[in-house]
């Protein structure tokens, strides 16, 4: 019985590792080249593997490229796009919800927080 449990646990662990734990692994090059769907697949890996708090705006831009809040598909993101944020559109999550990554900067252009924001259309 114990051997069966160990084998099952090992198989589940292997499956999780092979599946990327539910998303595409983040890479800066892939993120910058990706469309909204590609970025949506990577964002959880990004958030799990990085902590941007304390980074400079320039460091974030090197990692993630220019913000995408000006994208016409993201007119709803305008409310999050201020002088003290970088906004990356991630597209539709389901038939009625949109999602963006919002990076908030202080007066010295240092990241104070970053979060996924979802809203209904």
N, C-alpha and C. Protein backbone atom coordinates (compact mmCIF):
# COMPACT_ATOMS: atom_id res chain seq x y z
N UNK A 1 0.82 -1.20 0.00
CA UNK A 1 0.00 0.00 0.00
C UNK A 1 0.86 1.26 0.00
N UNK A 2 1.90 1.30 0.84
CA UNK A 2 2.76 2.48 0.91
C UNK A 2 3.47 2.72 -0.41
N UNK A 3 3.88 1.66 -1.09
CA UNK A 3 4.56 1.80 -2.38
C UNK A 3 3.62 2.43 -3.41
N UNK A 4 2.36 2.03 -3.40
CA UNK A 4 1.38 2.58 -4.32
C UNK A 4 1.18 4.08 -4.10
N UNK A 5 1.14 4.51 -2.85
CA UNK A 5 0.98 5.93 -2.52
C UNK A 5 2.20 6.71 -2.99
N UNK A 6 3.39 6.16 -2.76
CA UNK A 6 4.63 6.83 -3.18
C UNK A 6 4.68 6.95 -4.70
N UNK A 7 4.29 5.90 -5.39
CA UNK A 7 4.30 5.95 -6.87
C UNK A 7 3.29 6.97 -7.38
N UNK A 8 2.13 7.00 -6.77
CA UNK A 8 1.10 7.97 -7.17
C UNK A 8 1.59 9.39 -6.93
N UNK A 9 2.19 9.63 -5.77
CA UNK A 9 2.73 10.96 -5.45
C UNK A 9 3.83 11.34 -6.43
N UNK A 10 4.71 10.40 -6.77
CA UNK A 10 5.78 10.66 -7.72
C UNK A 10 5.21 10.98 -9.10
N UNK A 11 4.19 10.24 -9.51
CA UNK A 11 3.57 10.48 -10.81
C UNK A 11 2.90 11.86 -10.86
N UNK A 12 2.22 12.24 -9.78
CA UNK A 12 1.59 13.56 -9.73
C UNK A 12 2.63 14.67 -9.76
N UNK A 13 3.73 14.50 -9.04
CA UNK A 13 4.80 15.49 -9.04
C UNK A 13 5.39 15.63 -10.44
N UNK A 14 5.64 14.53 -11.10
CA UNK A 14 6.17 14.56 -12.47
C UNK A 14 5.20 15.26 -13.41
N UNK A 15 3.92 14.99 -13.26
CA UNK A 15 2.91 15.64 -14.09
C UNK A 15 2.90 17.15 -13.88
N UNK A 16 2.98 17.58 -12.63
CA UNK A 16 3.03 19.01 -12.33
C UNK A 16 4.27 19.67 -12.92
N UNK A 17 5.41 19.02 -12.81
CA UNK A 17 6.64 19.57 -13.37
C UNK A 17 6.57 19.66 -14.88
N UNK A 18 6.02 18.64 -15.52
CA UNK A 18 5.91 18.64 -16.97
C UNK A 18 4.89 19.66 -17.47
N UNK A 19 3.87 19.92 -16.68
CA UNK A 19 2.83 20.84 -17.13
C UNK A 19 3.16 22.29 -16.80
N UNK A 20 4.28 22.55 -16.13
CA UNK A 20 4.65 23.92 -15.78
C UNK A 20 3.78 24.46 -14.67
N UNK A 21 3.17 23.60 -13.88
CA UNK A 21 2.32 24.01 -12.76
C UNK A 21 1.19 24.93 -13.21
N UNK A 22 0.62 24.67 -14.36
CA UNK A 22 -0.55 25.39 -14.78
C UNK A 22 -0.29 26.62 -15.62
N UNK A 23 0.92 26.83 -16.09
CA UNK A 23 1.18 28.00 -16.91
C UNK A 23 2.48 27.85 -17.67
N UNK A 24 2.75 28.82 -18.50
CA UNK A 24 3.98 28.85 -19.26
C UNK A 24 5.07 29.50 -18.42
N UNK A 25 6.25 28.92 -18.35
CA UNK A 25 7.32 29.56 -17.59
C UNK A 25 7.65 30.94 -18.16
N UNK A 26 7.89 31.90 -17.27
CA UNK A 26 8.20 33.26 -17.67
C UNK A 26 9.62 33.35 -18.21
N UNK A 27 9.77 34.08 -19.30
CA UNK A 27 11.08 34.54 -19.75
C UNK A 27 10.87 35.94 -20.31
N UNK A 28 11.81 36.82 -20.03
CA UNK A 28 11.69 38.21 -20.46
C UNK A 28 11.54 38.32 -21.97
N UNK A 29 12.35 37.58 -22.70
CA UNK A 29 12.31 37.63 -24.16
C UNK A 29 10.95 37.18 -24.69
N UNK A 30 10.42 36.09 -24.12
CA UNK A 30 9.12 35.59 -24.56
C UNK A 30 8.01 36.57 -24.20
N UNK A 31 8.08 37.16 -22.98
CA UNK A 31 7.07 38.13 -22.54
C UNK A 31 7.01 39.31 -23.50
N UNK A 32 8.18 39.88 -23.79
CA UNK A 32 8.23 41.07 -24.65
C UNK A 32 7.70 40.77 -26.04
N UNK A 33 7.95 39.57 -26.55
CA UNK A 33 7.50 39.18 -27.89
C UNK A 33 6.05 38.71 -27.91
N UNK A 34 5.49 38.37 -26.75
CA UNK A 34 4.17 37.71 -26.70
C UNK A 34 3.02 38.68 -26.90
N UNK A 35 1.90 38.14 -27.36
CA UNK A 35 0.65 38.88 -27.39
C UNK A 35 0.00 38.75 -26.01
N UNK A 36 -1.21 39.27 -25.86
CA UNK A 36 -1.89 39.25 -24.57
C UNK A 36 -2.10 37.82 -24.05
N UNK A 37 -2.47 36.91 -24.93
CA UNK A 37 -2.71 35.53 -24.52
C UNK A 37 -1.42 34.89 -24.01
N UNK A 38 -0.32 35.13 -24.70
CA UNK A 38 0.96 34.59 -24.28
C UNK A 38 1.39 35.15 -22.93
N UNK A 39 1.15 36.44 -22.72
CA UNK A 39 1.51 37.05 -21.44
C UNK A 39 0.61 36.53 -20.32
N UNK A 40 -0.65 36.33 -20.63
CA UNK A 40 -1.56 35.79 -19.62
C UNK A 40 -1.09 34.41 -19.17
N UNK A 41 -0.55 33.61 -20.09
CA UNK A 41 -0.06 32.28 -19.74
C UNK A 41 1.20 32.34 -18.88
N UNK A 42 1.97 33.44 -18.97
CA UNK A 42 3.22 33.56 -18.22
C UNK A 42 3.12 34.34 -16.92
N UNK A 43 2.05 35.11 -16.73
CA UNK A 43 2.02 36.07 -15.62
C UNK A 43 2.13 35.41 -14.26
N UNK A 44 1.54 34.26 -14.07
CA UNK A 44 1.61 33.62 -12.75
C UNK A 44 3.02 33.12 -12.45
N UNK A 45 3.71 32.65 -13.47
CA UNK A 45 5.11 32.27 -13.30
C UNK A 45 5.95 33.50 -12.96
N UNK A 46 5.71 34.59 -13.65
CA UNK A 46 6.39 35.86 -13.35
C UNK A 46 6.19 36.25 -11.90
N UNK A 47 4.95 36.23 -11.45
CA UNK A 47 4.64 36.67 -10.09
C UNK A 47 5.17 35.70 -9.03
N UNK A 48 5.27 34.45 -9.38
CA UNK A 48 5.80 33.46 -8.45
C UNK A 48 7.32 33.58 -8.33
N UNK A 49 8.00 33.87 -9.45
CA UNK A 49 9.45 33.83 -9.49
C UNK A 49 10.14 35.17 -9.23
N UNK A 50 9.40 36.27 -9.28
CA UNK A 50 10.00 37.60 -9.12
C UNK A 50 9.26 38.38 -8.04
N UNK A 51 9.97 39.29 -7.40
CA UNK A 51 9.36 40.28 -6.52
C UNK A 51 9.87 41.63 -6.99
N UNK A 52 9.04 42.36 -7.70
CA UNK A 52 9.46 43.63 -8.30
C UNK A 52 9.52 44.79 -7.31
N UNK A 53 8.98 44.62 -6.11
CA UNK A 53 9.00 45.70 -5.13
C UNK A 53 10.46 46.08 -4.86
N UNK A 54 10.73 47.37 -4.98
CA UNK A 54 12.09 47.89 -4.79
C UNK A 54 12.85 48.06 -6.09
N UNK A 55 12.34 47.51 -7.18
CA UNK A 55 12.98 47.66 -8.49
C UNK A 55 12.75 49.08 -9.00
N UNK A 56 13.65 49.56 -9.85
CA UNK A 56 13.44 50.85 -10.51
C UNK A 56 12.54 50.65 -11.73
N UNK A 57 11.96 51.73 -12.19
CA UNK A 57 11.14 51.68 -13.40
C UNK A 57 11.96 51.15 -14.57
N UNK A 58 13.21 51.60 -14.69
CA UNK A 58 14.07 51.15 -15.79
C UNK A 58 14.29 49.64 -15.73
N UNK A 59 14.46 49.09 -14.52
CA UNK A 59 14.64 47.64 -14.38
C UNK A 59 13.40 46.89 -14.84
N UNK A 60 12.22 47.39 -14.46
CA UNK A 60 10.96 46.76 -14.87
C UNK A 60 10.82 46.81 -16.39
N UNK A 61 11.13 47.95 -16.98
CA UNK A 61 11.01 48.09 -18.43
C UNK A 61 11.99 47.16 -19.15
N UNK A 62 13.17 46.94 -18.59
CA UNK A 62 14.10 45.98 -19.19
C UNK A 62 13.54 44.56 -19.12
N UNK A 63 12.88 44.24 -18.02
CA UNK A 63 12.33 42.89 -17.84
C UNK A 63 11.07 42.66 -18.67
N UNK A 64 10.15 43.65 -18.65
CA UNK A 64 8.81 43.46 -19.24
C UNK A 64 8.57 44.24 -20.52
N UNK A 65 9.48 45.12 -20.88
CA UNK A 65 9.27 45.94 -22.06
C UNK A 65 8.30 47.07 -21.78
N UNK A 66 7.94 47.84 -22.81
CA UNK A 66 7.03 48.97 -22.60
C UNK A 66 5.64 48.51 -22.19
N UNK A 67 4.99 49.35 -21.41
CA UNK A 67 3.63 49.01 -20.97
C UNK A 67 2.70 48.97 -22.17
N UNK A 68 1.56 48.27 -22.02
CA UNK A 68 0.64 48.08 -23.14
C UNK A 68 -0.73 48.67 -22.87
N UNK A 69 -0.82 49.59 -21.92
CA UNK A 69 -2.13 50.14 -21.58
C UNK A 69 -2.75 50.93 -22.71
N UNK A 70 -1.95 51.41 -23.65
CA UNK A 70 -2.49 52.18 -24.77
C UNK A 70 -3.14 51.30 -25.83
N UNK A 71 -3.04 50.00 -25.69
CA UNK A 71 -3.64 49.07 -26.63
C UNK A 71 -5.14 49.34 -26.73
N UNK A 72 -5.70 49.49 -27.93
CA UNK A 72 -7.12 49.79 -28.07
C UNK A 72 -8.04 48.72 -27.48
N UNK A 73 -7.56 47.50 -27.33
CA UNK A 73 -8.37 46.46 -26.72
C UNK A 73 -8.49 46.64 -25.21
N UNK A 74 -7.74 47.58 -24.65
CA UNK A 74 -7.71 47.75 -23.21
C UNK A 74 -8.18 49.12 -22.77
N UNK A 75 -9.23 49.62 -23.41
CA UNK A 75 -9.74 50.92 -23.01
C UNK A 75 -10.21 50.92 -21.56
N UNK A 76 -10.64 49.78 -21.06
CA UNK A 76 -11.05 49.68 -19.66
C UNK A 76 -9.90 49.82 -18.69
N UNK A 77 -8.66 49.64 -19.17
CA UNK A 77 -7.48 49.74 -18.31
C UNK A 77 -7.10 51.18 -18.04
N UNK A 78 -7.74 52.13 -18.72
CA UNK A 78 -7.40 53.54 -18.56
C UNK A 78 -7.47 53.96 -17.10
N UNK A 79 -8.41 53.43 -16.35
CA UNK A 79 -8.55 53.82 -14.94
C UNK A 79 -7.34 53.41 -14.11
N UNK A 80 -6.55 52.45 -14.57
CA UNK A 80 -5.36 52.02 -13.85
C UNK A 80 -4.09 52.69 -14.38
N UNK A 81 -4.20 53.33 -15.54
CA UNK A 81 -3.04 53.92 -16.20
C UNK A 81 -2.88 55.37 -15.74
N UNK A 82 -2.01 55.57 -14.78
CA UNK A 82 -1.75 56.90 -14.26
C UNK A 82 -0.26 57.18 -14.38
N UNK A 83 0.15 58.36 -13.96
CA UNK A 83 1.56 58.73 -14.01
C UNK A 83 2.43 57.83 -13.14
N UNK A 84 1.83 57.22 -12.13
CA UNK A 84 2.63 56.40 -11.20
C UNK A 84 2.41 54.90 -11.39
N UNK A 85 2.00 54.49 -12.59
CA UNK A 85 1.83 53.06 -12.86
C UNK A 85 2.39 52.68 -14.22
N UNK A 86 2.72 51.42 -14.34
CA UNK A 86 2.96 50.76 -15.62
C UNK A 86 1.88 49.71 -15.73
N UNK A 87 1.19 49.65 -16.86
CA UNK A 87 0.05 48.74 -17.01
C UNK A 87 0.29 47.85 -18.23
N UNK A 88 0.18 46.53 -17.98
CA UNK A 88 0.37 45.53 -19.03
C UNK A 88 -0.93 44.76 -19.22
N UNK A 89 -1.55 44.92 -20.39
CA UNK A 89 -2.79 44.23 -20.68
C UNK A 89 -2.57 42.74 -20.89
N UNK A 90 -3.44 41.93 -20.29
CA UNK A 90 -3.33 40.48 -20.40
C UNK A 90 -4.50 39.84 -21.12
N UNK A 91 -5.48 40.62 -21.48
CA UNK A 91 -6.59 40.08 -22.26
C UNK A 91 -7.75 39.58 -21.43
N UNK A 92 -8.67 38.96 -22.13
CA UNK A 92 -9.88 38.44 -21.49
C UNK A 92 -9.55 37.16 -20.73
N UNK A 93 -10.07 37.07 -19.51
CA UNK A 93 -9.89 35.88 -18.69
C UNK A 93 -11.01 34.89 -18.98
N UNK A 94 -12.20 35.42 -19.20
CA UNK A 94 -13.35 34.61 -19.58
C UNK A 94 -14.25 35.50 -20.44
N UNK A 95 -15.48 35.16 -20.60
CA UNK A 95 -16.35 35.92 -21.50
C UNK A 95 -16.67 37.33 -21.02
N UNK A 96 -16.44 37.65 -19.73
CA UNK A 96 -16.80 38.98 -19.25
C UNK A 96 -15.72 39.70 -18.45
N UNK A 97 -14.62 39.03 -18.11
CA UNK A 97 -13.59 39.65 -17.28
C UNK A 97 -12.32 39.91 -18.07
N UNK A 98 -11.72 41.07 -17.80
CA UNK A 98 -10.43 41.45 -18.38
C UNK A 98 -9.41 41.47 -17.25
N UNK A 99 -8.12 41.33 -17.59
CA UNK A 99 -7.09 41.31 -16.58
C UNK A 99 -5.88 42.13 -17.06
N UNK A 100 -5.29 42.88 -16.12
CA UNK A 100 -4.08 43.64 -16.39
C UNK A 100 -3.11 43.44 -15.24
N UNK A 101 -1.84 43.60 -15.53
CA UNK A 101 -0.80 43.64 -14.51
C UNK A 101 -0.49 45.11 -14.27
N UNK A 102 -0.65 45.56 -13.04
CA UNK A 102 -0.42 46.96 -12.69
C UNK A 102 0.78 47.05 -11.77
N UNK A 103 1.78 47.82 -12.18
CA UNK A 103 2.99 48.05 -11.39
C UNK A 103 2.93 49.49 -10.90
N UNK A 104 2.92 49.68 -9.58
CA UNK A 104 2.80 51.02 -8.99
C UNK A 104 4.17 51.53 -8.57
N UNK A 105 4.46 52.79 -8.94
CA UNK A 105 5.75 53.42 -8.67
C UNK A 105 5.59 54.59 -7.72
N UNK A 106 6.62 54.84 -6.90
CA UNK A 106 6.59 56.02 -6.04
C UNK A 106 7.18 57.22 -6.78
N UNK A 107 7.36 58.34 -6.10
CA UNK A 107 7.85 59.57 -6.72
C UNK A 107 9.27 59.40 -7.28
N UNK A 108 10.04 58.49 -6.71
CA UNK A 108 11.41 58.22 -7.19
C UNK A 108 11.44 57.16 -8.29
N UNK A 109 10.26 56.72 -8.74
CA UNK A 109 10.10 55.72 -9.81
C UNK A 109 10.61 54.35 -9.37
N UNK A 110 10.35 54.03 -8.09
CA UNK A 110 10.67 52.73 -7.52
C UNK A 110 9.35 51.98 -7.31
N UNK A 111 9.32 50.69 -7.62
CA UNK A 111 8.10 49.88 -7.49
C UNK A 111 7.75 49.73 -6.00
N UNK A 112 6.50 50.10 -5.67
CA UNK A 112 6.00 49.94 -4.31
C UNK A 112 5.05 48.75 -4.20
N UNK A 113 4.39 48.39 -5.32
CA UNK A 113 3.55 47.19 -5.35
C UNK A 113 3.27 46.84 -6.79
N UNK A 114 2.86 45.60 -6.98
CA UNK A 114 2.42 45.15 -8.30
C UNK A 114 1.40 44.07 -8.08
N UNK A 115 0.39 44.07 -8.96
CA UNK A 115 -0.73 43.16 -8.76
C UNK A 115 -1.47 42.88 -10.04
N UNK A 116 -2.16 41.76 -10.06
CA UNK A 116 -3.09 41.46 -11.14
C UNK A 116 -4.41 42.10 -10.78
N UNK A 117 -4.99 42.82 -11.73
CA UNK A 117 -6.28 43.47 -11.51
C UNK A 117 -7.24 42.91 -12.55
N UNK A 118 -8.41 42.51 -12.08
CA UNK A 118 -9.45 41.97 -12.96
C UNK A 118 -10.69 42.81 -12.82
N UNK A 119 -11.35 43.08 -13.93
CA UNK A 119 -12.62 43.78 -13.88
C UNK A 119 -13.57 43.21 -14.92
N UNK A 120 -14.83 43.37 -14.66
CA UNK A 120 -15.87 42.91 -15.58
C UNK A 120 -16.18 44.00 -16.58
N UNK A 121 -16.39 43.57 -17.82
CA UNK A 121 -16.72 44.53 -18.87
C UNK A 121 -18.20 44.85 -18.86
